[in-house]
Amino acid sequence: MRTLSGCDVVIPVVHGPRGEDGTLAALCDLAGITCVGSGLRAGALGMDKQVTKLIAADRGIATAPAVLLTAATAASYRWTSPVVIKPVAAGSSRGVTLVAEPAGLAVALAAALALDDRVLAEDVISGREIDLAVLGHPDGTRTVAPPLEIVGDGIFGYQDKYGGHADLRVPASLSDADRTALETAAVTMFDALGCAGVARIDFFLTATGPVLNEINTMPGFTEHSQVPKMFAAAGLPYIELVDLLVTNALTSRRGFGRHAGHARYSE
């Protein structure tokens, strides 16, 4: 608290439990310090993949069918087709495994349950992986950066995210209809969770439309991370993006009128 008290504003770029789940934002709130990004409620909701599915369903946004498991129920789960096993609330794709054969199920469940007491066995979705970044402004408007596509086979896992070898293409090549559908779903989820600052909303783009994968209320934020890459493609460099987030947070702290609407950055 003593360290925080000397800060004008905090950017809590910490992933996983006790970071992007809203814990650090809550600590800043208790300390009376302005914090960039989402607060406790949005962080906690976005971190919980099962709750995210429920909110998405309420807003008419598709998600992958999944079975919620615990240590007590995992043993009774029977593999019938390829699934992705993932902790309900963990960051950076830790504990996420694609199980293509039944022999790999037990190991995958054990890895996920080591990180969380709830896990999801989620149907594999066939589609392009498209990420969108939504930036919230103090007046209630939202800006959507050019979409990014992750090109590759299998799961975009921990090593792919942080190893620097991922094939990330921005702007993703999309039809106007697909882009509009993705942007609308992304802003809808941003608002439904009560996000602030910037959030990354990840989708699979299928033949029948967008399927929500997950929401990152505090996405990776090095200069080479996905969200900065998306805004850089629109002509907003990393330093200017960080400055805008800080300025918006300080403005929101002072209070500002709100109105609906969103725009996209031009490319």
Protein backbone atom coordinates (compact mmCIF):
# COMPACT_ATOMS: atom_id res chain seq x y z
CA MET A 1 0.00 0.00 0.00
CA ARG A 2 2.87 2.38 0.80
CA THR A 3 4.32 1.85 -2.69
CA LEU A 4 0.94 2.32 -4.35
CA SER A 5 0.29 5.54 -2.45
CA GLY A 6 3.14 7.18 -4.38
CA CYS A 7 1.57 6.39 -7.76
CA ASP A 8 -0.70 8.61 -9.83
CA VAL A 9 -1.97 5.68 -11.86
CA VAL A 10 -1.32 1.93 -12.01
CA ILE A 11 -1.27 -0.29 -15.10
CA PRO A 12 -1.78 -3.80 -13.64
CA VAL A 13 -0.33 -5.91 -16.45
CA VAL A 14 -0.26 -9.19 -14.52
CA HIS A 15 -1.83 -12.30 -16.01
CA GLY A 16 -3.64 -15.17 -14.38
CA PRO A 17 -5.02 -15.49 -10.84
CA ARG A 18 -4.40 -12.48 -8.57
CA GLY A 19 -3.74 -10.40 -11.67
CA GLU A 20 -6.24 -10.15 -14.48
CA ASP A 21 -8.97 -11.66 -12.29
CA GLY A 22 -9.48 -8.22 -10.77
CA THR A 23 -7.47 -8.73 -7.59
CA LEU A 24 -4.91 -6.02 -8.35
CA ALA A 25 -7.60 -3.64 -9.53
CA ALA A 26 -9.43 -4.16 -6.24
CA LEU A 27 -6.22 -3.49 -4.30
CA CYS A 28 -5.74 -0.22 -6.18
CA ASP A 29 -9.35 0.70 -5.49
CA LEU A 30 -8.87 0.08 -1.77
CA ALA A 31 -5.74 2.24 -1.89
CA GLY A 32 -7.61 5.01 -3.71
CA ILE A 33 -5.28 4.81 -6.71
CA THR A 34 -6.47 5.18 -10.31
CA CYS A 35 -6.10 1.90 -12.18
CA VAL A 36 -5.99 1.39 -15.94
CA GLY A 37 -8.40 -1.22 -17.26
CA SER A 38 -11.24 -3.28 -15.86
CA GLY A 39 -12.19 -3.39 -12.21
CA LEU A 40 -12.79 -6.31 -9.89
CA ARG A 41 -16.19 -7.34 -11.27
CA ALA A 42 -15.22 -7.40 -14.95
CA GLY A 43 -11.88 -9.05 -14.19
CA ALA A 44 -13.48 -11.81 -12.14
CA LEU A 45 -16.25 -12.45 -14.68
CA GLY A 46 -13.89 -12.46 -17.64
CA MET A 47 -11.44 -14.78 -15.93
CA ASP A 48 -14.15 -17.36 -15.27
CA LYS A 49 -14.69 -19.13 -18.60
CA GLN A 50 -17.86 -20.86 -17.42
CA VAL A 51 -19.48 -17.59 -16.31
CA THR A 52 -18.35 -15.97 -19.57
CA LYS A 53 -20.24 -18.67 -21.47
CA LEU A 54 -23.40 -17.95 -19.47
CA ILE A 55 -23.17 -14.21 -20.13
CA ALA A 56 -22.50 -14.80 -23.83
CA ALA A 57 -25.52 -17.10 -24.08
CA ASP A 58 -27.67 -14.41 -22.47
CA ARG A 59 -26.52 -11.98 -25.17
CA GLY A 60 -27.11 -14.45 -28.00
CA ILE A 61 -23.42 -15.07 -28.69
CA ALA A 62 -22.35 -18.63 -29.46
CA THR A 63 -19.67 -20.46 -27.46
CA ALA A 64 -18.26 -23.96 -27.76
CA PRO A 65 -20.41 -26.61 -26.04
CA ALA A 66 -18.66 -27.77 -22.88
CA VAL A 67 -18.98 -29.96 -19.80
CA LEU A 68 -17.99 -28.49 -16.43
CA LEU A 69 -15.93 -30.94 -14.36
CA THR A 70 -14.38 -31.08 -10.89
CA ALA A 71 -12.01 -33.51 -9.25
CA ALA A 72 -15.06 -35.43 -8.01
CA THR A 73 -16.73 -35.69 -11.43
CA ALA A 74 -13.78 -35.89 -13.81
CA ALA A 75 -13.39 -39.65 -13.42
CA SER A 76 -16.92 -40.23 -14.72
CA TYR A 77 -16.39 -38.15 -17.88
CA ARG A 78 -16.23 -40.26 -21.02
CA TRP A 79 -14.35 -39.13 -24.10
CA THR A 80 -16.40 -39.50 -27.30
CA SER A 81 -14.74 -36.99 -29.65
CA PRO A 82 -11.81 -34.53 -29.60
CA VAL A 83 -12.09 -31.96 -26.80
CA VAL A 84 -10.06 -29.15 -25.33
CA ILE A 85 -9.47 -29.53 -21.60
CA LYS A 86 -8.88 -26.22 -19.84
CA PRO A 87 -8.99 -24.76 -16.33
CA VAL A 88 -11.99 -22.52 -15.78
CA ALA A 89 -9.85 -19.69 -14.42
CA ALA A 90 -6.17 -19.69 -15.34
CA GLY A 91 -4.12 -17.44 -17.59
CA SER A 92 -1.72 -17.66 -20.53
CA SER A 93 -3.20 -20.95 -21.79
CA ARG A 94 -1.61 -22.86 -18.91
CA GLY A 95 -3.19 -26.26 -18.37
CA VAL A 96 -4.92 -26.24 -21.78
CA THR A 97 -4.67 -29.48 -23.75
CA LEU A 98 -6.18 -30.70 -26.99
CA VAL A 99 -7.23 -34.32 -26.41
CA ALA A 100 -7.52 -36.00 -29.80
CA GLU A 101 -7.50 -39.56 -28.44
CA PRO A 102 -9.07 -41.01 -25.27
CA ALA A 103 -5.66 -42.14 -23.99
CA GLY A 104 -4.67 -38.52 -23.39
CA LEU A 105 -7.70 -37.57 -21.31
CA ALA A 106 -6.47 -38.50 -17.82
CA VAL A 107 -3.20 -36.58 -18.18
CA ALA A 108 -4.98 -33.53 -19.56
CA LEU A 109 -7.52 -33.50 -16.74
CA ALA A 110 -4.78 -33.83 -14.14
CA ALA A 111 -2.85 -30.91 -15.66
CA ALA A 112 -5.93 -28.68 -15.65
CA LEU A 113 -7.06 -29.69 -12.16
CA ALA A 114 -3.59 -28.87 -10.84
CA LEU A 115 -4.34 -25.22 -11.65
CA ASP A 116 -8.05 -24.96 -10.81
CA ASP A 117 -10.71 -26.95 -8.99
CA ARG A 118 -13.03 -26.59 -12.00
CA VAL A 119 -12.20 -27.51 -15.59
CA LEU A 120 -14.02 -27.50 -18.90
CA ALA A 121 -14.12 -30.28 -21.46
CA GLU A 122 -14.93 -28.18 -24.50
CA ASP A 123 -15.88 -29.33 -27.99
CA VAL A 124 -13.28 -28.56 -30.64
CA ILE A 125 -14.46 -25.75 -32.92
CA SER A 126 -13.38 -25.68 -36.54
CA GLY A 127 -12.80 -22.13 -37.69
CA ARG A 128 -10.34 -19.29 -38.10
CA GLU A 129 -8.95 -17.82 -34.87
CA ILE A 130 -9.72 -14.10 -34.91
CA ASP A 131 -8.92 -11.72 -32.05
CA LEU A 132 -10.42 -8.26 -31.59
CA ALA A 133 -9.34 -5.46 -29.27
CA VAL A 134 -11.98 -3.13 -27.85
CA LEU A 135 -10.95 0.18 -26.31
CA GLY A 136 -13.41 1.88 -24.00
CA HIS A 137 -13.44 5.68 -23.70
CA PRO A 138 -14.66 7.77 -20.75
CA ASP A 139 -17.66 9.08 -22.73
CA GLY A 140 -18.95 5.54 -23.23
CA THR A 141 -17.86 5.10 -26.84
CA ARG A 142 -15.85 2.06 -27.88
CA THR A 143 -13.18 1.76 -30.55
CA VAL A 144 -12.36 -1.56 -32.20
CA ALA A 145 -8.86 -2.09 -33.61
CA PRO A 146 -8.22 -3.98 -36.86
CA PRO A 147 -8.78 -7.71 -36.23
CA LEU A 148 -5.89 -10.12 -35.89
CA GLU A 149 -5.79 -13.70 -37.15
CA ILE A 150 -3.73 -16.46 -35.51
CA VAL A 151 -2.62 -18.82 -38.26
CA GLY A 152 -1.56 -22.34 -37.32
CA ASP A 153 -2.66 -25.82 -36.36
CA GLY A 154 -3.76 -26.96 -32.92
CA ILE A 155 -3.94 -24.81 -29.79
CA PHE A 156 -2.39 -21.37 -29.53
CA GLY A 157 -0.57 -22.28 -26.33
CA TYR A 158 1.88 -20.80 -23.87
CA GLN A 159 4.99 -21.29 -26.01
CA ASP A 160 3.22 -19.86 -29.05
CA LYS A 161 2.18 -16.76 -27.10
CA TYR A 162 5.53 -16.02 -25.54
CA GLY A 163 8.04 -17.75 -27.83
CA GLY A 164 7.82 -15.10 -30.53
CA HIS A 165 7.19 -17.59 -33.35
CA ALA A 166 3.42 -17.27 -33.76
CA ASP A 167 2.05 -16.35 -37.18
CA LEU A 168 -0.09 -13.30 -36.35
CA ARG A 169 -1.69 -11.51 -39.28
CA VAL A 170 -3.18 -8.06 -38.87
CA PRO A 171 -5.44 -6.89 -40.28
CA ALA A 172 -7.14 -10.23 -40.79
CA SER A 173 -8.68 -10.65 -44.22
CA LEU A 174 -12.44 -10.60 -43.59
CA SER A 175 -15.61 -9.85 -45.48
CA ASP A 176 -17.53 -6.78 -44.36
CA ALA A 177 -20.29 -9.01 -42.97
CA ASP A 178 -17.90 -11.17 -40.93
CA ARG A 179 -16.03 -8.17 -39.60
CA THR A 180 -19.24 -6.44 -38.55
CA ALA A 181 -20.50 -9.60 -36.82
CA LEU A 182 -17.21 -10.00 -34.93
CA GLU A 183 -17.04 -6.34 -33.91
CA THR A 184 -20.64 -6.36 -32.71
CA ALA A 185 -20.09 -9.50 -30.63
CA ALA A 186 -16.83 -8.12 -29.20
CA VAL A 187 -18.36 -4.81 -28.09
CA THR A 188 -21.40 -6.63 -26.73
CA MET A 189 -19.21 -8.81 -24.49
CA PHE A 190 -17.04 -5.84 -23.47
CA ASP A 191 -20.13 -4.03 -22.23
CA ALA A 192 -21.88 -7.09 -20.78
CA LEU A 193 -18.92 -7.75 -18.48
CA GLY A 194 -18.50 -4.07 -17.64
CA CYS A 195 -14.96 -3.87 -19.02
CA ALA A 196 -12.89 -0.70 -19.03
CA GLY A 197 -9.66 0.33 -20.68
CA VAL A 198 -8.84 -2.25 -23.31
CA ALA A 199 -9.84 -5.90 -23.58
CA ARG A 200 -9.07 -8.61 -26.13
CA ILE A 201 -11.99 -10.76 -27.19
CA ASP A 202 -11.07 -13.98 -29.00
CA PHE A 203 -13.31 -15.79 -31.46
CA PHE A 204 -13.45 -18.71 -33.82
CA LEU A 205 -14.95 -17.60 -37.11
CA THR A 206 -16.99 -20.54 -38.39
CA ALA A 207 -19.24 -21.14 -41.37
CA THR A 208 -22.21 -20.14 -39.22
CA GLY A 209 -20.64 -17.04 -37.70
CA PRO A 210 -18.48 -16.03 -34.68
CA VAL A 211 -18.04 -18.40 -31.73
CA LEU A 212 -16.62 -16.75 -28.62
CA ASN A 213 -13.48 -18.40 -27.26
CA GLU A 214 -12.51 -16.18 -24.32
CA ILE A 215 -12.07 -12.65 -23.03
CA ASN A 216 -8.85 -11.15 -21.72
CA THR A 217 -9.63 -8.12 -19.59
CA MET A 218 -5.89 -7.51 -19.14
CA PRO A 219 -4.27 -8.80 -22.35
CA GLY A 220 -0.56 -9.15 -22.98
CA PHE A 221 0.92 -5.69 -23.31
CA THR A 222 4.47 -5.75 -24.53
CA GLU A 223 5.07 -3.83 -27.74
CA HIS A 224 4.94 -7.14 -29.63
CA SER A 225 1.77 -8.49 -28.01
CA GLN A 226 -1.47 -8.93 -29.94
CA VAL A 227 -3.37 -5.85 -28.76
CA PRO A 228 -0.53 -3.36 -29.39
CA LYS A 229 0.01 -4.97 -32.81
CA MET A 230 -3.66 -4.44 -33.66
CA PHE A 231 -3.65 -0.77 -32.71
CA ALA A 232 -0.27 -0.20 -34.38
CA ALA A 233 -1.82 -1.50 -37.61
CA ALA A 234 -4.34 1.33 -37.30
CA GLY A 235 -1.63 3.94 -36.84
CA LEU A 236 -1.69 4.14 -33.03
CA PRO A 237 1.87 3.35 -31.82
CA TYR A 238 2.55 1.54 -28.56
CA ILE A 239 3.57 4.62 -26.55
CA GLU A 240 0.52 6.56 -27.72
CA LEU A 241 -1.76 3.62 -26.86
CA VAL A 242 -0.36 3.45 -23.32
CA ASP A 243 -0.70 7.23 -22.97
CA LEU A 244 -4.32 7.06 -24.14
CA LEU A 245 -5.15 4.32 -21.64
CA VAL A 246 -3.64 6.32 -18.78
CA THR A 247 -5.39 9.52 -19.87
CA ASN A 248 -8.73 7.72 -20.17
CA ALA A 249 -8.33 6.15 -16.73
CA LEU A 250 -7.59 9.50 -15.12
CA THR A 251 -10.51 11.12 -16.95
CA SER A 252 -12.88 8.34 -15.88
CA ARG A 253 -11.73 8.79 -12.28
CA ARG A 254 -12.86 12.41 -12.43
CA GLY A 255 -16.22 11.42 -13.88
CA PHE A 256 -17.53 11.83 -17.40
CA GLY A 257 -20.86 11.69 -19.22
CA ARG A 258 -21.54 8.44 -21.09
CA HIS A 259 -23.22 7.63 -24.36
CA ALA A 260 -23.42 4.54 -26.49
CA GLY A 261 -21.71 3.77 -29.78
CA HIS A 262 -18.54 2.35 -31.22
CA ALA A 263 -16.25 2.98 -34.13
CA ARG A 264 -13.45 1.08 -35.78
CA TYR A 265 -9.97 2.38 -36.41
CA SER A 266 -9.38 2.76 -40.14
CA GLU A 267 -6.51 0.81 -41.67
